Protein backbone atom coordinates (compact mmCIF):
# COMPACT_ATOMS: atom_id res chain seq x y z
CA UNK A 1 0.00 0.00 0.00
CA UNK A 2 1.40 3.48 -0.84
CA UNK A 3 2.66 5.56 2.05
CA UNK A 4 1.25 9.11 1.91
CA UNK A 5 3.86 11.86 1.84
CA UNK A 6 2.82 13.04 5.30
CA UNK A 7 3.84 9.64 6.76
CA UNK A 8 7.32 9.36 5.25
CA UNK A 9 10.07 8.45 7.68
CA UNK A 10 13.82 9.13 7.46
CA UNK A 11 15.61 6.34 5.60
CA UNK A 12 12.58 5.19 3.57
CA UNK A 13 13.39 4.23 -0.01
CA UNK A 14 11.93 6.42 -2.74
CA UNK A 15 9.68 4.26 -4.91
CA UNK A 16 7.13 4.94 -7.63
CA UNK A 17 4.28 3.93 -5.33
CA UNK A 18 5.42 6.37 -2.64
CA UNK A 19 5.90 9.19 -5.12
CA UNK A 20 2.41 8.60 -6.53
CA UNK A 21 0.70 8.28 -3.15
CA UNK A 22 -2.09 10.76 -2.48
CA UNK A 23 -2.36 12.21 0.98
CA UNK A 24 -5.45 14.26 0.09
CA UNK A 25 -8.57 13.95 -2.03
CA UNK A 26 -11.37 16.37 -2.82
CA UNK A 27 -14.68 16.25 -4.60
CA UNK A 28 -18.18 17.58 -5.00
CA UNK A 29 -21.54 15.94 -4.28
CA UNK A 30 -24.69 17.22 -5.99
CA UNK A 31 -27.47 17.11 -3.39
CA UNK A 32 -31.18 16.96 -4.17
CA UNK A 33 -34.06 16.41 -1.77
CA UNK A 34 -37.68 17.42 -1.29
CA UNK A 35 -39.22 18.88 1.88
CA UNK A 36 -36.46 17.88 4.33
CA UNK A 37 -34.86 19.37 7.45
CA UNK A 38 -31.88 16.99 7.25
CA UNK A 39 -30.34 14.75 4.63
CA UNK A 40 -27.61 12.10 4.43
CA UNK A 41 -25.78 10.64 1.45
CA UNK A 42 -23.01 8.02 1.36
CA UNK A 43 -19.84 9.08 -0.47
CA UNK A 44 -16.99 6.74 -1.48
CA UNK A 45 -13.47 8.11 -1.92
CA UNK A 46 -12.01 7.69 -5.43
CA UNK A 47 -9.12 5.82 -3.76
CA UNK A 48 -9.16 4.40 -0.23
CA UNK A 49 -6.91 5.96 2.41
CA UNK A 50 -4.72 3.77 4.68
CA UNK A 51 -6.63 5.18 7.70
CA UNK A 52 -9.66 7.44 8.21
CA UNK A 53 -8.75 10.93 6.97
CA UNK A 54 -9.42 14.35 8.49
CA UNK A 55 -12.30 15.98 6.59
CA UNK A 56 -14.47 18.98 6.05
CA UNK A 57 -17.44 19.76 3.82
CA UNK A 58 -19.12 22.98 2.78
CA UNK A 59 -22.15 24.00 0.80
CA UNK A 60 -20.99 25.85 -2.31
CA UNK A 61 -23.94 28.27 -2.38
CA UNK A 62 -25.28 30.47 0.40
CA UNK A 63 -28.33 31.79 -1.38
CA UNK A 64 -31.94 30.77 -0.97
CA UNK A 65 -32.73 27.64 1.00
CA UNK A 66 -29.06 26.58 1.24
CA UNK A 67 -28.26 29.62 3.41
CA UNK A 68 -30.16 28.05 6.30
CA UNK A 69 -28.31 24.71 6.12
CA UNK A 70 -24.89 23.46 7.17
CA UNK A 71 -23.04 20.37 5.96
CA UNK A 72 -20.47 18.11 7.56
CA UNK A 73 -18.97 14.66 7.10
CA UNK A 74 -19.94 11.96 9.58
CA UNK A 75 -19.01 8.27 9.93
CA UNK A 76 -15.65 8.88 8.22
CA UNK A 77 -13.69 5.74 7.32
CA UNK A 78 -10.72 4.91 5.10
CA UNK A 79 -13.09 4.24 2.19
CA UNK A 80 -15.64 7.05 2.49
CA UNK A 81 -18.01 9.06 4.64
CA UNK A 82 -21.61 10.10 5.03
CA UNK A 83 -22.44 13.66 4.01
CA UNK A 84 -24.85 15.16 6.54
CA UNK A 85 -26.75 18.36 5.69
CA UNK A 86 -29.06 19.86 8.28
CA UNK A 87 -31.30 22.86 8.63
CA UNK A 88 -29.87 25.11 11.35
CA UNK A 89 -33.27 26.51 12.39
CA UNK A 90 -36.02 23.90 12.14
CA UNK A 91 -38.59 26.54 13.13
CA UNK A 92 -38.26 27.78 9.54
CA UNK A 93 -39.67 24.52 8.17
CA UNK A 94 -38.44 22.00 5.62
CA UNK A 95 -36.76 22.96 2.35
CA UNK A 96 -36.10 21.51 -1.09
CA UNK A 97 -32.76 21.38 -2.92
CA UNK A 98 -32.12 20.56 -6.56
CA UNK A 99 -28.53 19.60 -7.50
CA UNK A 100 -26.89 21.86 -4.92
CA UNK A 101 -23.09 21.31 -4.90
CA UNK A 102 -21.43 20.41 -1.61
CA UNK A 103 -17.61 20.36 -1.70
CA UNK A 104 -15.53 18.05 0.47
CA UNK A 105 -11.83 17.69 1.25
CA UNK A 106 -10.12 14.75 2.97
CA UNK A 107 -6.47 14.56 4.01
CA UNK A 108 -4.28 12.14 5.87
CA UNK A 109 -3.76 12.96 9.54
CA UNK A 110 -0.21 13.98 10.39
CA UNK A 111 1.68 11.99 12.98
């Protein structure tokens, strides 16, 4: 398994697999739902990490219904995570999204 650059140790041999190792990944999820106050969606990383990465997620737009929501990754593992979007003020009532982009970034933890 490739060793991410952040986990290199003195004396390790330089190999093609180590040079090509990714210690971060990023992507976008298009989210659609109808009349919801919260929403979850499973996301699989393009390539698995050796361990669960450190992550964040953010809604790309702040206008309209999306301005009242927040997004975060939950249940993060080496192979993926669950995107969790929730309405910050449920007194406002449920909303509907159509193909709203949510960006995510995952990186290897440093030692």
